[in-house]
Amino acid sequence: MGMYLDLHDVAYDHPEALKELNELITERDKYREALENLVNALKSVHDDPEYGAVWMMYQNHVPTGYRGRKYTKEFDDAQDALKGGEQCGIDL
């Protein structure tokens, strides 16, 4: 029979570690909020019919199509991280 301890249990006996843990949690929450805002902003752009029309017009008039940076993998990873997904190796 094993014994399970989480970081709070261990840090409770070490005030410096508890302080550092709380600071990390606060910092994580700030990054999470910023990431949520970014993901929501990108979703609203993608859902905008005017954006879609401009994108389609560009694709139809430029023979090579878009060749710039593609952020879809990073966007998917950000969404997975917000859901607590393990596909990207990040859990916020």
PDB file of N, CA and C in Angstrom:
ATOM      1  N   MET A   1       0.853  -1.162   0.000  1.00  0.00           N
ATOM      2  CA  MET A   1       0.000   0.000   0.000  1.00  0.00           C
ATOM      3  C   MET A   1       0.904   1.233   0.000  1.00  0.00           C
ATOM      4  N   GLY A   2       0.762   2.081  -1.033  1.00  0.00           N
ATOM      5  CA  GLY A   2       1.596   3.270  -1.148  1.00  0.00           C
ATOM      6  C   GLY A   2       0.965   4.476  -0.472  1.00  0.00           C
ATOM      7  N   MET A   3       1.784   5.459  -0.286  1.00  0.00           N
ATOM      8  CA  MET A   3       1.295   6.696   0.317  1.00  0.00           C
ATOM      9  C   MET A   3       1.388   7.796  -0.733  1.00  0.00           C
ATOM     10  N   TYR A   4       0.303   8.554  -0.884  1.00  0.00           N
ATOM     11  CA  TYR A   4       0.271   9.610  -1.881  1.00  0.00           C
ATOM     12  C   TYR A   4       0.421  10.963  -1.198  1.00  0.00           C
ATOM     13  N   LEU A   5       1.377  11.743  -1.652  1.00  0.00           N
ATOM     14  CA  LEU A   5       1.558  13.107  -1.165  1.00  0.00           C
ATOM     15  C   LEU A   5       1.535  14.043  -2.360  1.00  0.00           C
ATOM     16  N   ASP A   6       0.813  15.138  -2.237  1.00  0.00           N
ATOM     17  CA  ASP A   6       0.899  16.114  -3.310  1.00  0.00           C
ATOM     18  C   ASP A   6       1.839  17.239  -2.879  1.00  0.00           C
ATOM     19  N   LEU A   7       2.063  18.182  -3.764  1.00  0.00           N
ATOM     20  CA  LEU A   7       3.015  19.254  -3.477  1.00  0.00           C
ATOM     21  C   LEU A   7       2.614  20.077  -2.267  1.00  0.00           C
ATOM     22  N   HIS A   8       1.311  20.260  -2.066  1.00  0.00           N
ATOM     23  CA  HIS A   8       0.873  21.042  -0.912  1.00  0.00           C
ATOM     24  C   HIS A   8       1.227  20.335   0.404  1.00  0.00           C
ATOM     25  N   ASP A   9       1.092  19.002   0.433  1.00  0.00           N
ATOM     26  CA  ASP A   9       1.438  18.252   1.647  1.00  0.00           C
ATOM     27  C   ASP A   9       2.917  18.425   1.990  1.00  0.00           C
ATOM     28  N   VAL A  10       3.758  18.305   0.991  1.00  0.00           N
ATOM     29  CA  VAL A  10       5.195  18.416   1.210  1.00  0.00           C
ATOM     30  C   VAL A  10       5.574  19.857   1.549  1.00  0.00           C
ATOM     31  N   ALA A  11       5.011  20.808   0.803  1.00  0.00           N
ATOM     32  CA  ALA A  11       5.370  22.212   0.994  1.00  0.00           C
ATOM     33  C   ALA A  11       4.893  22.756   2.334  1.00  0.00           C
ATOM     34  N   TYR A  12       3.862  22.166   2.899  1.00  0.00           N
ATOM     35  CA  TYR A  12       3.328  22.650   4.170  1.00  0.00           C
ATOM     36  C   TYR A  12       4.399  22.630   5.265  1.00  0.00           C
ATOM     37  N   ASP A  13       5.256  21.621   5.235  1.00  0.00           N
ATOM     38  CA  ASP A  13       6.329  21.509   6.227  1.00  0.00           C
ATOM     39  C   ASP A  13       7.533  22.385   5.893  1.00  0.00           C
ATOM     40  N   HIS A  14       7.515  23.010   4.727  1.00  0.00           N
ATOM     41  CA  HIS A  14       8.629  23.847   4.275  1.00  0.00           C
ATOM     42  C   HIS A  14       8.061  25.180   3.796  1.00  0.00           C
ATOM     43  N   PRO A  15       8.005  26.172   4.674  1.00  0.00           N
ATOM     44  CA  PRO A  15       7.364  27.448   4.334  1.00  0.00           C
ATOM     45  C   PRO A  15       7.910  28.113   3.072  1.00  0.00           C
ATOM     46  N   GLU A  16       9.215  28.015   2.841  1.00  0.00           N
ATOM     47  CA  GLU A  16       9.777  28.624   1.633  1.00  0.00           C
ATOM     48  C   GLU A  16       9.244  27.928   0.383  1.00  0.00           C
ATOM     49  N   ALA A  17       9.165  26.613   0.452  1.00  0.00           N
ATOM     50  CA  ALA A  17       8.651  25.852  -0.684  1.00  0.00           C
ATOM     51  C   ALA A  17       7.175  26.156  -0.909  1.00  0.00           C
ATOM     52  N   LEU A  18       6.421  26.310   0.171  1.00  0.00           N
ATOM     53  CA  LEU A  18       4.997  26.636   0.049  1.00  0.00           C
ATOM     54  C   LEU A  18       4.823  28.006  -0.597  1.00  0.00           C
ATOM     55  N   LYS A  19       5.649  28.957  -0.196  1.00  0.00           N
ATOM     56  CA  LYS A  19       5.587  30.295  -0.786  1.00  0.00           C
ATOM     57  C   LYS A  19       5.891  30.233  -2.282  1.00  0.00           C
ATOM     58  N   GLU A  20       6.937  29.489  -2.639  1.00  0.00           N
ATOM     59  CA  GLU A  20       7.304  29.360  -4.049  1.00  0.00           C
ATOM     60  C   GLU A  20       6.201  28.662  -4.843  1.00  0.00           C
ATOM     61  N   LEU A  21       5.606  27.630  -4.263  1.00  0.00           N
ATOM     62  CA  LEU A  21       4.516  26.924  -4.929  1.00  0.00           C
ATOM     63  C   LEU A  21       3.342  27.867  -5.184  1.00  0.00           C
ATOM     64  N   ASN A  22       2.982  28.658  -4.187  1.00  0.00           N
ATOM     65  CA  ASN A  22       1.876  29.602  -4.355  1.00  0.00           C
ATOM     66  C   ASN A  22       2.189  30.656  -5.415  1.00  0.00           C
ATOM     67  N   GLU A  23       3.447  31.099  -5.478  1.00  0.00           N
ATOM     68  CA  GLU A  23       3.846  32.055  -6.510  1.00  0.00           C
ATOM     69  C   GLU A  23       3.736  31.431  -7.901  1.00  0.00           C
ATOM     70  N   LEU A  24       4.141  30.171  -8.019  1.00  0.00           N
ATOM     71  CA  LEU A  24       4.039  29.480  -9.307  1.00  0.00           C
ATOM     72  C   LEU A  24       2.587  29.307  -9.731  1.00  0.00           C
ATOM     73  N   ILE A  25       1.724  28.999  -8.783  1.00  0.00           N
ATOM     74  CA  ILE A  25       0.300  28.843  -9.092  1.00  0.00           C
ATOM     75  C   ILE A  25      -0.281  30.171  -9.557  1.00  0.00           C
ATOM     76  N   THR A  26       0.087  31.263  -8.893  1.00  0.00           N
ATOM     77  CA  THR A  26      -0.388  32.591  -9.290  1.00  0.00           C
ATOM     78  C   THR A  26       0.100  32.937 -10.692  1.00  0.00           C
ATOM     79  N   GLU A  27       1.369  32.649 -10.966  1.00  0.00           N
ATOM     80  CA  GLU A  27       1.933  32.921 -12.287  1.00  0.00           C
ATOM     81  C   GLU A  27       1.240  32.072 -13.352  1.00  0.00           C
ATOM     82  N   ARG A  28       1.004  30.800 -13.038  1.00  0.00           N
ATOM     83  CA  ARG A  28       0.307  29.918 -13.972  1.00  0.00           C
ATOM     84  C   ARG A  28      -1.071  30.468 -14.304  1.00  0.00           C
ATOM     85  N   ASP A  29      -1.782  30.963 -13.294  1.00  0.00           N
ATOM     86  CA  ASP A  29      -3.126  31.490 -13.516  1.00  0.00           C
ATOM     87  C   ASP A  29      -3.107  32.710 -14.433  1.00  0.00           C
ATOM     88  N   LYS A  30      -2.065  33.550 -14.316  1.00  0.00           N
ATOM     89  CA  LYS A  30      -1.952  34.714 -15.206  1.00  0.00           C
ATOM     90  C   LYS A  30      -1.725  34.260 -16.647  1.00  0.00           C
ATOM     91  N   TYR A  31      -0.836  33.283 -16.831  1.00  0.00           N
ATOM     92  CA  TYR A  31      -0.583  32.777 -18.181  1.00  0.00           C
ATOM     93  C   TYR A  31      -1.823  32.097 -18.749  1.00  0.00           C
ATOM     94  N   ARG A  32      -2.541  31.384 -17.909  1.00  0.00           N
ATOM     95  CA  ARG A  32      -3.754  30.708 -18.366  1.00  0.00           C
ATOM     96  C   ARG A  32      -4.774  31.728 -18.859  1.00  0.00           C
ATOM     97  N   GLU A  33      -4.948  32.810 -18.106  1.00  0.00           N
ATOM     98  CA  GLU A  33      -5.897  33.849 -18.510  1.00  0.00           C
ATOM     99  C   GLU A  33      -5.476  34.483 -19.840  1.00  0.00           C
ATOM    100  N   ALA A  34      -4.185  34.760 -19.989  1.00  0.00           N
ATOM    101  CA  ALA A  34      -3.688  35.344 -21.236  1.00  0.00           C
ATOM    102  C   ALA A  34      -3.892  34.384 -22.403  1.00  0.00           C
ATOM    103  N   LEU A  35      -3.630  33.096 -22.186  1.00  0.00           N
ATOM    104  CA  LEU A  35      -3.811  32.100 -23.237  1.00  0.00           C
ATOM    105  C   LEU A  35      -5.282  31.966 -23.610  1.00  0.00           C
ATOM    106  N   GLU A  36      -6.169  31.968 -22.618  1.00  0.00           N
ATOM    107  CA  GLU A  36      -7.606  31.913 -22.899  1.00  0.00           C
ATOM    108  C   GLU A  36      -8.038  33.112 -23.740  1.00  0.00           C
ATOM    109  N   ASN A  37      -7.550  34.299 -23.396  1.00  0.00           N
ATOM    110  CA  ASN A  37      -7.903  35.494 -24.159  1.00  0.00           C
ATOM    111  C   ASN A  37      -7.407  35.405 -25.596  1.00  0.00           C
ATOM    112  N   LEU A  38      -6.195  34.908 -25.789  1.00  0.00           N
ATOM    113  CA  LEU A  38      -5.641  34.758 -27.133  1.00  0.00           C
ATOM    114  C   LEU A  38      -6.447  33.750 -27.949  1.00  0.00           C
ATOM    115  N   VAL A  39      -6.738  32.596 -27.367  1.00  0.00           N
ATOM    116  CA  VAL A  39      -7.508  31.565 -28.068  1.00  0.00           C
ATOM    117  C   VAL A  39      -8.893  32.101 -28.432  1.00  0.00           C
ATOM    118  N   ASN A  40      -9.543  32.794 -27.508  1.00  0.00           N
ATOM    119  CA  ASN A  40     -10.871  33.347 -27.794  1.00  0.00           C
ATOM    120  C   ASN A  40     -10.821  34.398 -28.896  1.00  0.00           C
ATOM    121  N   ALA A  41      -9.772  35.219 -28.911  1.00  0.00           N
ATOM    122  CA  ALA A  41      -9.629  36.224 -29.967  1.00  0.00           C
ATOM    123  C   ALA A  41      -9.439  35.553 -31.327  1.00  0.00           C
ATOM    124  N   LEU A  42      -8.607  34.515 -31.380  1.00  0.00           N
ATOM    125  CA  LEU A  42      -8.400  33.802 -32.644  1.00  0.00           C
ATOM    126  C   LEU A  42      -9.680  33.121 -33.115  1.00  0.00           C
ATOM    127  N   LYS A  43     -10.432  32.548 -32.184  1.00  0.00           N
ATOM    128  CA  LYS A  43     -11.702  31.916 -32.554  1.00  0.00           C
ATOM    129  C   LYS A  43     -12.664  32.940 -33.139  1.00  0.00           C
ATOM    130  N   SER A  44     -12.721  34.128 -32.546  1.00  0.00           N
ATOM    131  CA  SER A  44     -13.650  35.141 -33.055  1.00  0.00           C
ATOM    132  C   SER A  44     -13.243  35.604 -34.450  1.00  0.00           C
ATOM    133  N   VAL A  45     -11.938  35.688 -34.723  1.00  0.00           N
ATOM    134  CA  VAL A  45     -11.492  36.042 -36.072  1.00  0.00           C
ATOM    135  C   VAL A  45     -11.883  34.939 -37.047  1.00  0.00           C
ATOM    136  N   HIS A  46     -11.646  33.704 -36.687  1.00  0.00           N
ATOM    137  CA  HIS A  46     -11.969  32.585 -37.577  1.00  0.00           C
ATOM    138  C   HIS A  46     -13.462  32.493 -37.849  1.00  0.00           C
ATOM    139  N   ASP A  47     -14.280  32.861 -36.873  1.00  0.00           N
ATOM    140  CA  ASP A  47     -15.734  32.770 -37.026  1.00  0.00           C
ATOM    141  C   ASP A  47     -16.331  33.962 -37.766  1.00  0.00           C
ATOM    142  N   ASP A  48     -15.539  34.987 -38.029  1.00  0.00           N
ATOM    143  CA  ASP A  48     -16.027  36.189 -38.705  1.00  0.00           C
ATOM    144  C   ASP A  48     -16.187  35.906 -40.201  1.00  0.00           C
ATOM    145  N   PRO A  49     -17.408  36.033 -40.742  1.00  0.00           N
ATOM    146  CA  PRO A  49     -17.624  35.747 -42.165  1.00  0.00           C
ATOM    147  C   PRO A  49     -16.795  36.652 -43.090  1.00  0.00           C
ATOM    148  N   GLU A  50     -16.559  37.888 -42.675  1.00  0.00           N
ATOM    149  CA  GLU A  50     -15.768  38.796 -43.503  1.00  0.00           C
ATOM    150  C   GLU A  50     -14.324  38.296 -43.614  1.00  0.00           C
ATOM    151  N   TYR A  51     -13.771  37.806 -42.520  1.00  0.00           N
ATOM    152  CA  TYR A  51     -12.425  37.234 -42.554  1.00  0.00           C
ATOM    153  C   TYR A  51     -12.394  36.041 -43.512  1.00  0.00           C
ATOM    154  N   GLY A  52     -13.398  35.183 -43.407  1.00  0.00           N
ATOM    155  CA  GLY A  52     -13.452  34.014 -44.285  1.00  0.00           C
ATOM    156  C   GLY A  52     -13.529  34.401 -45.750  1.00  0.00           C
ATOM    157  N   ALA A  53     -14.300  35.443 -46.059  1.00  0.00           N
ATOM    158  CA  ALA A  53     -14.437  35.890 -47.445  1.00  0.00           C
ATOM    159  C   ALA A  53     -13.118  36.453 -47.972  1.00  0.00           C
ATOM    160  N   VAL A  54     -12.439  37.243 -47.156  1.00  0.00           N
ATOM    161  CA  VAL A  54     -11.147  37.801 -47.576  1.00  0.00           C
ATOM    162  C   VAL A  54     -10.132  36.678 -47.783  1.00  0.00           C
ATOM    163  N   TRP A  55     -10.120  35.710 -46.883  1.00  0.00           N
ATOM    164  CA  TRP A  55      -9.195  34.581 -47.005  1.00  0.00           C
ATOM    165  C   TRP A  55      -9.461  33.808 -48.293  1.00  0.00           C
ATOM    166  N   MET A  56     -10.736  33.539 -48.581  1.00  0.00           N
ATOM    167  CA  MET A  56     -11.085  32.776 -49.782  1.00  0.00           C
ATOM    168  C   MET A  56     -10.709  33.555 -51.043  1.00  0.00           C
ATOM    169  N   MET A  57     -10.968  34.862 -51.046  1.00  0.00           N
ATOM    170  CA  MET A  57     -10.615  35.679 -52.203  1.00  0.00           C
ATOM    171  C   MET A  57      -9.098  35.642 -52.423  1.00  0.00           C
ATOM    172  N   TYR A  58      -8.340  35.769 -51.364  1.00  0.00           N
ATOM    173  CA  TYR A  58      -6.880  35.727 -51.474  1.00  0.00           C
ATOM    174  C   TYR A  58      -6.431  34.382 -52.044  1.00  0.00           C
ATOM    175  N   GLN A  59      -6.961  33.301 -51.510  1.00  0.00           N
ATOM    176  CA  GLN A  59      -6.569  31.967 -51.975  1.00  0.00           C
ATOM    177  C   GLN A  59      -6.889  31.778 -53.457  1.00  0.00           C
ATOM    178  N   ASN A  60      -8.004  32.362 -53.915  1.00  0.00           N
ATOM    179  CA  ASN A  60      -8.411  32.196 -55.312  1.00  0.00           C
ATOM    180  C   ASN A  60      -7.624  33.084 -56.271  1.00  0.00           C
ATOM    181  N   HIS A  61      -7.020  34.149 -55.785  1.00  0.00           N
ATOM    182  CA  HIS A  61      -6.340  35.085 -56.668  1.00  0.00           C
ATOM    183  C   HIS A  61      -4.816  35.001 -56.610  1.00  0.00           C
ATOM    184  N   VAL A  62      -4.294  34.280 -55.689  1.00  0.00           N
ATOM    185  CA  VAL A  62      -2.840  34.124 -55.598  1.00  0.00           C
ATOM    186  C   VAL A  62      -2.528  32.670 -55.944  1.00  0.00           C
ATOM    187  N   PRO A  63      -1.856  32.447 -57.072  1.00  0.00           N
ATOM    188  CA  PRO A  63      -1.673  31.068 -57.546  1.00  0.00           C
ATOM    189  C   PRO A  63      -0.951  30.139 -56.569  1.00  0.00           C
ATOM    190  N   THR A  64      -0.045  30.664 -55.798  1.00  0.00           N
ATOM    191  CA  THR A  64       0.704  29.783 -54.903  1.00  0.00           C
ATOM    192  C   THR A  64      -0.017  29.552 -53.583  1.00  0.00           C
ATOM    193  N   GLY A  65      -1.037  30.342 -53.296  1.00  0.00           N
ATOM    194  CA  GLY A  65      -1.720  30.206 -52.015  1.00  0.00           C
ATOM    195  C   GLY A  65      -0.870  30.773 -50.891  1.00  0.00           C
ATOM    196  N   TYR A  66      -1.348  30.643 -49.712  1.00  0.00           N
ATOM    197  CA  TYR A  66      -0.650  31.194 -48.547  1.00  0.00           C
ATOM    198  C   TYR A  66       0.587  30.363 -48.242  1.00  0.00           C
ATOM    199  N   ARG A  67       1.715  31.024 -48.072  1.00  0.00           N
ATOM    200  CA  ARG A  67       2.960  30.321 -47.761  1.00  0.00           C
ATOM    201  C   ARG A  67       3.614  30.855 -46.497  1.00  0.00           C
ATOM    202  N   GLY A  68       2.864  31.600 -45.742  1.00  0.00           N
ATOM    203  CA  GLY A  68       3.412  32.163 -44.513  1.00  0.00           C
ATOM    204  C   GLY A  68       3.415  31.144 -43.388  1.00  0.00           C
ATOM    205  N   ARG A  69       3.666  31.648 -42.191  1.00  0.00           N
ATOM    206  CA  ARG A  69       3.715  30.769 -41.017  1.00  0.00           C
ATOM    207  C   ARG A  69       2.342  30.166 -40.765  1.00  0.00           C
ATOM    208  N   LYS A  70       2.363  28.938 -40.371  1.00  0.00           N
ATOM    209  CA  LYS A  70       1.120  28.259 -40.018  1.00  0.00           C
ATOM    210  C   LYS A  70       1.123  28.049 -38.511  1.00  0.00           C
ATOM    211  N   TYR A  71       0.078  28.501 -37.882  1.00  0.00           N
ATOM    212  CA  TYR A  71       0.014  28.431 -36.426  1.00  0.00           C
ATOM    213  C   TYR A  71      -1.017  27.414 -35.946  1.00  0.00           C
ATOM    214  N   THR A  72      -1.571  26.619 -36.850  1.00  0.00           N
ATOM    215  CA  THR A  72      -2.660  25.727 -36.449  1.00  0.00           C
ATOM    216  C   THR A  72      -2.225  24.711 -35.399  1.00  0.00           C
ATOM    217  N   LYS A  73      -1.006  24.170 -35.495  1.00  0.00           N
ATOM    218  CA  LYS A  73      -0.548  23.215 -34.475  1.00  0.00           C
ATOM    219  C   LYS A  73      -0.450  23.900 -33.118  1.00  0.00           C
ATOM    220  N   GLU A  74       0.140  25.090 -33.088  1.00  0.00           N
ATOM    221  CA  GLU A  74       0.253  25.829 -31.836  1.00  0.00           C
ATOM    222  C   GLU A  74      -1.124  26.184 -31.283  1.00  0.00           C
ATOM    223  N   PHE A  75      -2.046  26.541 -32.176  1.00  0.00           N
ATOM    224  CA  PHE A  75      -3.410  26.876 -31.764  1.00  0.00           C
ATOM    225  C   PHE A  75      -4.090  25.648 -31.152  1.00  0.00           C
ATOM    226  N   ASP A  76      -3.948  24.495 -31.799  1.00  0.00           N
ATOM    227  CA  ASP A  76      -4.514  23.253 -31.257  1.00  0.00           C
ATOM    228  C   ASP A  76      -3.877  22.899 -29.914  1.00  0.00           C
ATOM    229  N   ASP A  77      -2.550  23.067 -29.808  1.00  0.00           N
ATOM    230  CA  ASP A  77      -1.859  22.791 -28.541  1.00  0.00           C
ATOM    231  C   ASP A  77      -2.369  23.701 -27.426  1.00  0.00           C
ATOM    232  N   ALA A  78      -2.596  24.967 -27.759  1.00  0.00           N
ATOM    233  CA  ALA A  78      -3.104  25.912 -26.757  1.00  0.00           C
ATOM    234  C   ALA A  78      -4.484  25.490 -26.274  1.00  0.00           C
ATOM    235  N   GLN A  79      -5.335  25.074 -27.207  1.00  0.00           N
ATOM    236  CA  GLN A  79      -6.671  24.617 -26.814  1.00  0.00           C
ATOM    237  C   GLN A  79      -6.586  23.354 -25.964  1.00  0.00           C
ATOM    238  N   ASP A  80      -5.707  22.428 -26.335  1.00  0.00           N
ATOM    239  CA  ASP A  80      -5.525  21.204 -25.545  1.00  0.00           C
ATOM    240  C   ASP A  80      -5.020  21.522 -24.141  1.00  0.00           C
ATOM    241  N   ALA A  81      -4.087  22.462 -24.046  1.00  0.00           N
ATOM    242  CA  ALA A  81      -3.544  22.829 -22.734  1.00  0.00           C
ATOM    243  C   ALA A  81      -4.635  23.404 -21.842  1.00  0.00           C
ATOM    244  N   LEU A  82      -5.511  24.219 -22.419  1.00  0.00           N
ATOM    245  CA  LEU A  82      -6.593  24.804 -21.633  1.00  0.00           C
ATOM    246  C   LEU A  82      -7.586  23.742 -21.172  1.00  0.00           C
ATOM    247  N   LYS A  83      -7.701  22.669 -21.960  1.00  0.00           N
ATOM    248  CA  LYS A  83      -8.597  21.570 -21.582  1.00  0.00           C
ATOM    249  C   LYS A  83      -7.906  20.585 -20.647  1.00  0.00           C
ATOM    250  N   GLY A  84      -6.608  20.760 -20.452  1.00  0.00           N
ATOM    251  CA  GLY A  84      -5.854  19.811 -19.635  1.00  0.00           C
ATOM    252  C   GLY A  84      -5.431  18.600 -20.443  1.00  0.00           C
ATOM    253  N   GLY A  85      -5.356  18.767 -21.762  1.00  0.00           N
ATOM    254  CA  GLY A  85      -4.995  17.660 -22.637  1.00  0.00           C
ATOM    255  C   GLY A  85      -3.536  17.291 -22.508  1.00  0.00           C
ATOM    256  N   GLU A  86      -3.231  16.055 -22.780  1.00  0.00           N
ATOM    257  CA  GLU A  86      -1.855  15.584 -22.672  1.00  0.00           C
ATOM    258  C   GLU A  86      -1.184  15.468 -24.031  1.00  0.00           C
ATOM    259  N   GLN A  87      -1.929  15.735 -25.121  1.00  0.00           N
ATOM    260  CA  GLN A  87      -1.337  15.587 -26.440  1.00  0.00           C
ATOM    261  C   GLN A  87      -0.144  16.513 -26.615  1.00  0.00           C
ATOM    262  N   CYS A  88      -0.210  17.698 -26.031  1.00  0.00           N
ATOM    263  CA  CYS A  88       0.857  18.672 -26.243  1.00  0.00           C
ATOM    264  C   CYS A  88       1.883  18.648 -25.121  1.00  0.00           C
ATOM    265  N   GLY A  89       1.652  17.865 -24.091  1.00  0.00           N
ATOM    266  CA  GLY A  89       2.597  17.790 -22.990  1.00  0.00           C
ATOM    267  C   GLY A  89       2.529  18.975 -22.044  1.00  0.00           C
ATOM    268  N   ILE A  90       1.471  19.770 -22.163  1.00  0.00           N
ATOM    269  CA  ILE A  90       1.310  20.947 -21.310  1.00  0.00           C
ATOM    270  C   ILE A  90      -0.011  20.817 -20.582  1.00  0.00           C
ATOM    271  N   ASP A  91       0.007  21.051 -19.314  1.00  0.00           N
ATOM    272  CA  ASP A  91      -1.238  21.030 -18.546  1.00  0.00           C
ATOM    273  C   ASP A  91      -1.292  22.280 -17.694  1.00  0.00           C
ATOM    274  N   LEU A  92      -2.194  23.175 -18.065  1.00  0.00           N
ATOM    275  CA  LEU A  92      -2.337  24.407 -17.292  1.00  0.00           C
ATOM    276  C   LEU A  92      -3.445  24.199 -16.308  1.00  0.00           C
TER     277      LEU A  92
END
